[in-house]
Amino acid sequence: MDTEQRIQLAETRVFKAVFPNTTNHYDTLFGGTAMLLMDEIAFITATRFTRKRMVTVSSDRIDFTHPIPAGTIIELVGKVQHIGNTSLRISVDIYVEEMYSFSREKAITGTFTFVAIDEHKKPVKIIDEQV
């Protein structure tokens, strides 16, 4: 399988309902909860691409452009953005959908960097050399 195919197969999509127990005093999704979900989706995407042990080393930037109210549906989409020697950059977007209409918009965007590690927690190559 070539790299482009692996990138496509690694794309990760998860849907969740936004319930009151995940919202703040403004009845919108708590920012920390959004970041937790984004890191999880980024981890899954990185692992699906590499099939190796992956650890988060940074979250480069997270932009909250639209509030996500309680009683909506969110879709998290993780995609491989850049492949380094031992690191991988993953973008995660969160889209918000109203439950009872077809309204949908991008609400949050973030980028996460992961490093592949071996059983001794030492960095290893993302893509193994072909013999």
Foldseek 3Di string as FASTA:
>chain_A
DDLVVLQVQLKDKDKDAAAQVQDDPVQFGDPVVVVVVQVVSQLSSLCSSQVFDKDWDDKDDKDFADTAHHQWMKMKIKGFDDFDFFKTKIKIWIKIGHPPDRDIDTGMIIMIMMGGADPVRHGHGSDDDDD
